[in-house]
Amino acid sequence: MKAELRKIFDALSTIYENQVDGSSYYNSEYERPGMLAELEEDMRGMMVLDAGCAAGWYTNELLARGADVTALDISPQMVEAARRRVGKKGKIYCLDLEKELPFEDASFDIIVSSLTLHYIRDWSSTFKEFSRILKDGGKVLFSVHHPFMDIKNTKQQGYFKTEGYVDRWNKDGRKFEVPMYRRPLQEIINETTKAFKLTAVKELKPTERLKELARESYDYLISHPHFLVVKATKE
């Protein structure tokens, strides 16, 4: 699955780099506003890890807020796209979040992970590494697919299972079959609290601006939760 996922996101990298920022309301008017609201406007002096940076949108935003940013992604082509976006301002690596990370203990103040963890089946080792490289009192902020969204896409309809499934995307006139994992809400919470102290859970709502841009999309998202944001701290 991992090799397949890397290949798919390599193919998606150009689309992410050139189109997603402006064309995807699920990003610009839904997930990103919900995540950014949980971050400080002034992040000067903060060491931040962007875990699953894709084409570098969050990397660039974190840099704009003054943070010292290290970013990583499993896709080599996404890494190159992120490097083109931010130039020499950030440190960007091609790394696997399911393996040990090449960072010192207590290296980061904040770890941000946008729509990435649902590609990982077992969070325990990933969260163990997050805890290791996070400073005491540091924060973890991540977004994932909402369980109510994913359950509609699985064949087994086994809500209480953690199971793999394939999500079908249409991007730029091309079809992609993207493998990922879904899990119940209790597992999202329980896996988080094994490693961190939970401070917030947000079931995202679209922005009011989306009413004007695409009322049909707004009406759908306000009644069908798609993404979940979780915030936690290392004690």
C-alpha atoms as a PDB file:
ATOM      1  CA  MET A   1       0.000   0.000   0.000  1.00  0.00           C
ATOM      2  CA  LYS A   2       2.787   2.439   0.875  1.00  0.00           C
ATOM      3  CA  ALA A   3       4.485   2.155  -2.525  1.00  0.00           C
ATOM      4  CA  GLU A   4       1.137   2.583  -4.227  1.00  0.00           C
ATOM      5  CA  LEU A   5       0.330   5.638  -2.118  1.00  0.00           C
ATOM      6  CA  ARG A   6       3.709   7.206  -2.916  1.00  0.00           C
ATOM      7  CA  LYS A   7       3.123   6.640  -6.631  1.00  0.00           C
ATOM      8  CA  ILE A   8      -0.356   8.199  -6.494  1.00  0.00           C
ATOM      9  CA  PHE A   9       0.798  11.312  -4.672  1.00  0.00           C
ATOM     10  CA  ASP A  10       3.773  11.685  -6.991  1.00  0.00           C
ATOM     11  CA  ALA A  11       1.198  11.801  -9.805  1.00  0.00           C
ATOM     12  CA  LEU A  12      -0.957  14.270  -7.859  1.00  0.00           C
ATOM     13  CA  SER A  13       1.910  16.615  -7.008  1.00  0.00           C
ATOM     14  CA  THR A  14       1.510  18.884 -10.032  1.00  0.00           C
ATOM     15  CA  ILE A  15      -2.220  19.202  -9.387  1.00  0.00           C
ATOM     16  CA  TYR A  16      -1.626  20.002  -5.725  1.00  0.00           C
ATOM     17  CA  GLU A  17       1.054  22.528  -6.600  1.00  0.00           C
ATOM     18  CA  ASN A  18      -0.899  24.384  -9.272  1.00  0.00           C
ATOM     19  CA  GLN A  19      -4.609  23.892  -8.695  1.00  0.00           C
ATOM     20  CA  VAL A  20      -5.734  22.665  -5.274  1.00  0.00           C
ATOM     21  CA  ASP A  21      -5.091  25.915  -3.406  1.00  0.00           C
ATOM     22  CA  GLY A  22      -7.539  27.903  -5.483  1.00  0.00           C
ATOM     23  CA  SER A  23      -9.994  25.309  -6.732  1.00  0.00           C
ATOM     24  CA  SER A  24     -10.751  23.100  -3.717  1.00  0.00           C
ATOM     25  CA  TYR A  25     -13.294  24.619  -1.342  1.00  0.00           C
ATOM     26  CA  TYR A  26     -12.792  21.595   0.922  1.00  0.00           C
ATOM     27  CA  ASN A  27      -9.351  23.057   1.594  1.00  0.00           C
ATOM     28  CA  SER A  28      -9.730  26.829   1.327  1.00  0.00           C
ATOM     29  CA  GLU A  29     -13.171  27.184   2.951  1.00  0.00           C
ATOM     30  CA  TYR A  30     -13.281  24.172   5.233  1.00  0.00           C
ATOM     31  CA  GLU A  31     -10.186  22.369   6.508  1.00  0.00           C
ATOM     32  CA  ARG A  32      -7.613  25.161   6.445  1.00  0.00           C
ATOM     33  CA  PRO A  33      -9.664  27.820   8.277  1.00  0.00           C
ATOM     34  CA  GLY A  34     -10.468  25.275  11.003  1.00  0.00           C
ATOM     35  CA  MET A  35      -6.838  24.300  11.459  1.00  0.00           C
ATOM     36  CA  LEU A  36      -5.391  27.803  11.280  1.00  0.00           C
ATOM     37  CA  ALA A  37      -7.814  29.054  13.928  1.00  0.00           C
ATOM     38  CA  GLU A  38      -5.983  26.782  16.400  1.00  0.00           C
ATOM     39  CA  LEU A  39      -2.562  28.326  15.665  1.00  0.00           C
ATOM     40  CA  GLU A  40      -1.052  31.586  16.823  1.00  0.00           C
ATOM     41  CA  GLU A  41      -0.871  34.417  14.301  1.00  0.00           C
ATOM     42  CA  ASP A  42       2.626  35.255  15.518  1.00  0.00           C
ATOM     43  CA  MET A  43       4.758  32.105  15.625  1.00  0.00           C
ATOM     44  CA  ARG A  44       8.168  33.729  15.759  1.00  0.00           C
ATOM     45  CA  GLY A  45      10.652  31.665  17.758  1.00  0.00           C
ATOM     46  CA  MET A  46       8.608  28.465  17.403  1.00  0.00           C
ATOM     47  CA  MET A  47      10.069  25.271  15.948  1.00  0.00           C
ATOM     48  CA  VAL A  48       7.326  23.604  13.910  1.00  0.00           C
ATOM     49  CA  LEU A  49       7.118  20.269  12.107  1.00  0.00           C
ATOM     50  CA  ASP A  50       4.743  20.037   9.148  1.00  0.00           C
ATOM     51  CA  ALA A  51       4.135  16.285   9.116  1.00  0.00           C
ATOM     52  CA  GLY A  52       2.742  15.368   5.710  1.00  0.00           C
ATOM     53  CA  CYS A  53       3.365  18.640   3.908  1.00  0.00           C
ATOM     54  CA  ALA A  54       2.194  17.658   0.396  1.00  0.00           C
ATOM     55  CA  ALA A  55       2.945  20.609  -1.928  1.00  0.00           C
ATOM     56  CA  GLY A  56       3.790  22.879   0.986  1.00  0.00           C
ATOM     57  CA  TRP A  57       0.755  25.091   1.547  1.00  0.00           C
ATOM     58  CA  TYR A  58       0.926  24.768   5.343  1.00  0.00           C
ATOM     59  CA  THR A  59       4.707  24.984   5.263  1.00  0.00           C
ATOM     60  CA  ASN A  60       4.453  28.343   3.532  1.00  0.00           C
ATOM     61  CA  GLU A  61       1.725  29.604   5.864  1.00  0.00           C
ATOM     62  CA  LEU A  62       3.684  28.616   8.964  1.00  0.00           C
ATOM     63  CA  LEU A  63       6.752  30.366   7.604  1.00  0.00           C
ATOM     64  CA  ALA A  64       4.670  33.475   6.914  1.00  0.00           C
ATOM     65  CA  ARG A  65       3.666  33.479  10.581  1.00  0.00           C
ATOM     66  CA  GLY A  66       7.328  33.559  11.550  1.00  0.00           C
ATOM     67  CA  ALA A  67       7.901  29.928  12.539  1.00  0.00           C
ATOM     68  CA  ASP A  68      11.092  27.963  11.932  1.00  0.00           C
ATOM     69  CA  VAL A  69       9.591  25.138   9.853  1.00  0.00           C
ATOM     70  CA  THR A  70      10.741  21.622   9.084  1.00  0.00           C
ATOM     71  CA  ALA A  71       8.453  19.715   6.712  1.00  0.00           C
ATOM     72  CA  LEU A  72       8.273  16.153   5.481  1.00  0.00           C
ATOM     73  CA  ASP A  73       6.293  14.013   3.084  1.00  0.00           C
ATOM     74  CA  ILE A  74       6.488  10.449   1.817  1.00  0.00           C
ATOM     75  CA  SER A  75       6.164  11.517  -1.840  1.00  0.00           C
ATOM     76  CA  PRO A  76       9.403  12.699  -3.492  1.00  0.00           C
ATOM     77  CA  GLN A  77       7.467  14.751  -6.028  1.00  0.00           C
ATOM     78  CA  MET A  78       5.419  16.460  -3.317  1.00  0.00           C
ATOM     79  CA  VAL A  79       8.667  17.292  -1.519  1.00  0.00           C
ATOM     80  CA  GLU A  80      10.043  18.887  -4.674  1.00  0.00           C
ATOM     81  CA  ALA A  81       6.814  20.867  -5.122  1.00  0.00           C
ATOM     82  CA  ALA A  82       7.032  22.104  -1.534  1.00  0.00           C
ATOM     83  CA  ARG A  83      10.653  23.119  -2.045  1.00  0.00           C
ATOM     84  CA  ARG A  84       9.679  25.112  -5.125  1.00  0.00           C
ATOM     85  CA  ARG A  85       7.003  26.869  -3.105  1.00  0.00           C
ATOM     86  CA  VAL A  86       9.113  27.958  -0.140  1.00  0.00           C
ATOM     87  CA  GLY A  87      12.618  28.032  -1.608  1.00  0.00           C
ATOM     88  CA  LYS A  88      15.320  28.085   1.049  1.00  0.00           C
ATOM     89  CA  LYS A  89      13.057  29.337   3.814  1.00  0.00           C
ATOM     90  CA  GLY A  90      12.118  25.883   5.134  1.00  0.00           C
ATOM     91  CA  LYS A  91      13.785  22.496   5.584  1.00  0.00           C
ATOM     92  CA  ILE A  92      11.885  19.815   3.659  1.00  0.00           C
ATOM     93  CA  TYR A  93      12.617  16.079   3.664  1.00  0.00           C
ATOM     94  CA  CYS A  94      11.225  12.942   2.051  1.00  0.00           C
ATOM     95  CA  LEU A  95      10.451  10.785   5.099  1.00  0.00           C
ATOM     96  CA  ASP A  96       8.018   8.102   6.215  1.00  0.00           C
ATOM     97  CA  LEU A  97       5.901   8.883   9.305  1.00  0.00           C
ATOM     98  CA  GLU A  98       5.718   5.178  10.117  1.00  0.00           C
ATOM     99  CA  LYS A  99       9.471   5.032  10.724  1.00  0.00           C
ATOM    100  CA  GLU A 100      11.835   6.657  13.212  1.00  0.00           C
ATOM    101  CA  LEU A 101      12.404  10.315  12.408  1.00  0.00           C
ATOM    102  CA  PRO A 102      15.922  11.805  12.168  1.00  0.00           C
ATOM    103  CA  PHE A 103      15.305  14.579  14.678  1.00  0.00           C
ATOM    104  CA  GLU A 104      16.659  15.090  18.173  1.00  0.00           C
ATOM    105  CA  ASP A 105      14.489  14.603  21.255  1.00  0.00           C
ATOM    106  CA  ALA A 106      12.436  17.677  22.185  1.00  0.00           C
ATOM    107  CA  SER A 107      13.156  19.434  18.888  1.00  0.00           C
ATOM    108  CA  PHE A 108       9.753  20.993  18.186  1.00  0.00           C
ATOM    109  CA  ASP A 109       7.222  23.278  19.860  1.00  0.00           C
ATOM    110  CA  ILE A 110       4.355  22.277  17.554  1.00  0.00           C
ATOM    111  CA  ILE A 111       3.608  19.414  15.182  1.00  0.00           C
ATOM    112  CA  VAL A 112       1.007  20.159  12.500  1.00  0.00           C
ATOM    113  CA  SER A 113      -0.358  17.327  10.380  1.00  0.00           C
ATOM    114  CA  SER A 114      -3.026  18.122   7.810  1.00  0.00           C
ATOM    115  CA  LEU A 115      -5.110  15.263   6.356  1.00  0.00           C
ATOM    116  CA  THR A 116      -2.273  12.766   6.600  1.00  0.00           C
ATOM    117  CA  LEU A 117      -2.788  10.324   9.467  1.00  0.00           C
ATOM    118  CA  HIS A 118      -5.647   8.469   7.751  1.00  0.00           C
ATOM    119  CA  TYR A 119      -3.002   7.009   5.416  1.00  0.00           C
ATOM    120  CA  ILE A 120      -1.406   5.285   8.418  1.00  0.00           C
ATOM    121  CA  ARG A 121      -2.968   2.175   9.951  1.00  0.00           C
ATOM    122  CA  ASP A 122      -1.154   2.061  13.290  1.00  0.00           C
ATOM    123  CA  TRP A 123      -0.812   5.449  14.963  1.00  0.00           C
ATOM    124  CA  SER A 124       0.973   4.198  18.063  1.00  0.00           C
ATOM    125  CA  SER A 125       4.528   4.253  16.673  1.00  0.00           C
ATOM    126  CA  THR A 126       3.918   7.547  14.867  1.00  0.00           C
ATOM    127  CA  PHE A 127       2.580   9.194  18.014  1.00  0.00           C
ATOM    128  CA  LYS A 128       5.482   7.756  20.009  1.00  0.00           C
ATOM    129  CA  GLU A 129       7.885   9.510  17.648  1.00  0.00           C
ATOM    130  CA  PHE A 130       5.810  12.709  17.798  1.00  0.00           C
ATOM    131  CA  SER A 131       6.038  12.620  21.586  1.00  0.00           C
ATOM    132  CA  ARG A 132       9.782  11.997  21.491  1.00  0.00           C
ATOM    133  CA  ILE A 133      10.586  14.959  19.235  1.00  0.00           C
ATOM    134  CA  LEU A 134       8.077  17.303  20.876  1.00  0.00           C
ATOM    135  CA  LYS A 135       9.115  19.538  23.763  1.00  0.00           C
ATOM    136  CA  ASP A 136       7.340  19.241  27.107  1.00  0.00           C
ATOM    137  CA  GLY A 137       4.238  21.385  26.854  1.00  0.00           C
ATOM    138  CA  GLY A 138       4.393  21.229  23.058  1.00  0.00           C
ATOM    139  CA  LYS A 139       1.301  20.884  20.899  1.00  0.00           C
ATOM    140  CA  VAL A 140       0.067  18.435  18.303  1.00  0.00           C
ATOM    141  CA  LEU A 141      -2.575  19.645  15.844  1.00  0.00           C
ATOM    142  CA  PHE A 142      -3.930  17.286  13.198  1.00  0.00           C
ATOM    143  CA  SER A 143      -6.861  16.852  10.855  1.00  0.00           C
ATOM    144  CA  VAL A 144      -8.234  13.571   9.536  1.00  0.00           C
ATOM    145  CA  HIS A 145     -11.298  12.314   7.737  1.00  0.00           C
ATOM    146  CA  HIS A 146     -14.394  12.323   9.923  1.00  0.00           C
ATOM    147  CA  PRO A 147     -15.521   8.768  10.748  1.00  0.00           C
ATOM    148  CA  PHE A 148     -19.032   9.545   9.508  1.00  0.00           C
ATOM    149  CA  MET A 149     -17.610  10.395   6.112  1.00  0.00           C
ATOM    150  CA  ASP A 150     -15.431   7.327   5.790  1.00  0.00           C
ATOM    151  CA  ILE A 151     -18.015   4.783   6.880  1.00  0.00           C
ATOM    152  CA  LYS A 152     -20.060   5.581   3.780  1.00  0.00           C
ATOM    153  CA  ASN A 153     -17.154   4.597   1.557  1.00  0.00           C
ATOM    154  CA  THR A 154     -16.348   1.189   3.028  1.00  0.00           C
ATOM    155  CA  LYS A 155     -17.745  -2.103   1.807  1.00  0.00           C
ATOM    156  CA  GLN A 156     -17.892  -3.783   5.201  1.00  0.00           C
ATOM    157  CA  GLN A 157     -19.744  -0.951   6.957  1.00  0.00           C
ATOM    158  CA  GLY A 158     -18.005  -2.051  10.147  1.00  0.00           C
ATOM    159  CA  TYR A 159     -17.928   1.207  12.063  1.00  0.00           C
ATOM    160  CA  PHE A 160     -15.994  -0.122  15.069  1.00  0.00           C
ATOM    161  CA  LYS A 161     -13.185  -1.579  12.972  1.00  0.00           C
ATOM    162  CA  THR A 162     -10.042   0.075  11.727  1.00  0.00           C
ATOM    163  CA  GLU A 163      -9.987  -0.989   8.119  1.00  0.00           C
ATOM    164  CA  GLY A 164      -8.459  -0.102   4.801  1.00  0.00           C
ATOM    165  CA  TYR A 165     -10.527   1.177   1.915  1.00  0.00           C
ATOM    166  CA  VAL A 166     -10.078   2.973  -1.387  1.00  0.00           C
ATOM    167  CA  ASP A 167     -11.327   6.512  -1.907  1.00  0.00           C
ATOM    168  CA  ARG A 168     -11.974   7.503  -5.528  1.00  0.00           C
ATOM    169  CA  TRP A 169     -10.945  11.009  -6.524  1.00  0.00           C
ATOM    170  CA  ASN A 170     -11.478  12.988  -9.704  1.00  0.00           C
ATOM    171  CA  LYS A 171      -8.732  15.579 -10.160  1.00  0.00           C
ATOM    172  CA  ASP A 172      -8.064  17.599 -13.289  1.00  0.00           C
ATOM    173  CA  GLY A 173     -10.046  15.176 -15.419  1.00  0.00           C
ATOM    174  CA  ARG A 174      -8.154  12.175 -14.076  1.00  0.00           C
ATOM    175  CA  LYS A 175      -9.347   9.433 -11.744  1.00  0.00           C
ATOM    176  CA  PHE A 176      -7.297   8.284  -8.769  1.00  0.00           C
ATOM    177  CA  GLU A 177      -7.943   5.338  -6.455  1.00  0.00           C
ATOM    178  CA  VAL A 178      -6.382   6.374  -3.157  1.00  0.00           C
ATOM    179  CA  PRO A 179      -5.859   3.730  -0.425  1.00  0.00           C
ATOM    180  CA  MET A 180      -6.334   4.828   3.174  1.00  0.00           C
ATOM    181  CA  TYR A 181      -7.698   3.707   6.549  1.00  0.00           C
ATOM    182  CA  ARG A 182     -10.813   4.567   8.470  1.00  0.00           C
ATOM    183  CA  ARG A 183     -11.313   4.178  12.207  1.00  0.00           C
ATOM    184  CA  PRO A 184     -14.065   4.912  14.721  1.00  0.00           C
ATOM    185  CA  LEU A 185     -14.094   8.151  16.667  1.00  0.00           C
ATOM    186  CA  GLN A 186     -13.225   6.369  19.916  1.00  0.00           C
ATOM    187  CA  GLU A 187      -9.998   5.035  18.412  1.00  0.00           C
ATOM    188  CA  ILE A 188      -8.995   8.484  17.143  1.00  0.00           C
ATOM    189  CA  ILE A 189      -9.470   9.839  20.659  1.00  0.00           C
ATOM    190  CA  ASN A 190      -7.987   6.879  22.514  1.00  0.00           C
ATOM    191  CA  GLU A 191      -4.851   6.683  20.360  1.00  0.00           C
ATOM    192  CA  THR A 192      -4.304  10.397  20.858  1.00  0.00           C
ATOM    193  CA  THR A 193      -4.738  10.275  24.626  1.00  0.00           C
ATOM    194  CA  LYS A 194      -2.284   7.371  24.988  1.00  0.00           C
ATOM    195  CA  ALA A 195       0.487   9.764  23.982  1.00  0.00           C
ATOM    196  CA  PHE A 196      -0.869  13.246  24.709  1.00  0.00           C
ATOM    197  CA  LYS A 197      -3.344  15.252  26.744  1.00  0.00           C
ATOM    198  CA  LEU A 198      -6.384  16.045  24.608  1.00  0.00           C
ATOM    199  CA  THR A 199      -7.308  19.734  24.583  1.00  0.00           C
ATOM    200  CA  ALA A 200      -9.814  20.123  21.725  1.00  0.00           C
ATOM    201  CA  VAL A 201     -11.840  18.215  19.150  1.00  0.00           C
ATOM    202  CA  LYS A 202     -13.486  20.160  16.325  1.00  0.00           C
ATOM    203  CA  GLU A 203     -16.039  18.849  13.864  1.00  0.00           C
ATOM    204  CA  LEU A 204     -15.432  21.328  11.101  1.00  0.00           C
ATOM    205  CA  LYS A 205     -18.013  23.610   9.540  1.00  0.00           C
ATOM    206  CA  PRO A 206     -17.572  25.448   6.235  1.00  0.00           C
ATOM    207  CA  THR A 207     -16.930  29.177   6.232  1.00  0.00           C
ATOM    208  CA  GLU A 208     -19.771  31.635   5.743  1.00  0.00           C
ATOM    209  CA  ARG A 209     -17.943  32.790   2.632  1.00  0.00           C
ATOM    210  CA  LEU A 210     -18.677  29.433   1.019  1.00  0.00           C
ATOM    211  CA  LYS A 211     -22.374  30.347   1.003  1.00  0.00           C
ATOM    212  CA  GLU A 212     -21.565  33.015  -1.575  1.00  0.00           C
ATOM    213  CA  LEU A 213     -19.000  31.014  -3.517  1.00  0.00           C
ATOM    214  CA  ALA A 214     -20.840  27.687  -3.752  1.00  0.00           C
ATOM    215  CA  ARG A 215     -24.086  27.422  -1.807  1.00  0.00           C
ATOM    216  CA  GLU A 216     -24.610  23.771  -2.745  1.00  0.00           C
ATOM    217  CA  SER A 217     -21.197  22.823  -1.320  1.00  0.00           C
ATOM    218  CA  TYR A 218     -21.933  24.826   1.840  1.00  0.00           C
ATOM    219  CA  ASP A 219     -25.289  23.113   2.364  1.00  0.00           C
ATOM    220  CA  TYR A 220     -23.683  19.720   1.893  1.00  0.00           C
ATOM    221  CA  LEU A 221     -20.756  20.291   4.263  1.00  0.00           C
ATOM    222  CA  ILE A 222     -22.865  21.884   6.992  1.00  0.00           C
ATOM    223  CA  SER A 223     -24.920  18.683   7.191  1.00  0.00           C
ATOM    224  CA  HIS A 224     -22.296  16.059   6.262  1.00  0.00           C
ATOM    225  CA  PRO A 225     -19.129  16.386   8.394  1.00  0.00           C
ATOM    226  CA  HIS A 226     -16.051  15.471   6.379  1.00  0.00           C
ATOM    227  CA  PHE A 227     -13.019  16.402   8.467  1.00  0.00           C
ATOM    228  CA  LEU A 228     -12.123  16.321  12.140  1.00  0.00           C
ATOM    229  CA  VAL A 229      -9.485  18.466  13.880  1.00  0.00           C
ATOM    230  CA  VAL A 230      -7.768  17.245  17.055  1.00  0.00           C
ATOM    231  CA  LYS A 231      -5.502  19.297  19.306  1.00  0.00           C
ATOM    232  CA  ALA A 232      -3.396  17.860  22.128  1.00  0.00           C
ATOM    233  CA  THR A 233      -0.366  18.675  24.275  1.00  0.00           C
ATOM    234  CA  LYS A 234       2.613  16.756  25.600  1.00  0.00           C
ATOM    235  CA  GLU A 235       2.652  16.890  29.380  1.00  0.00           C
END
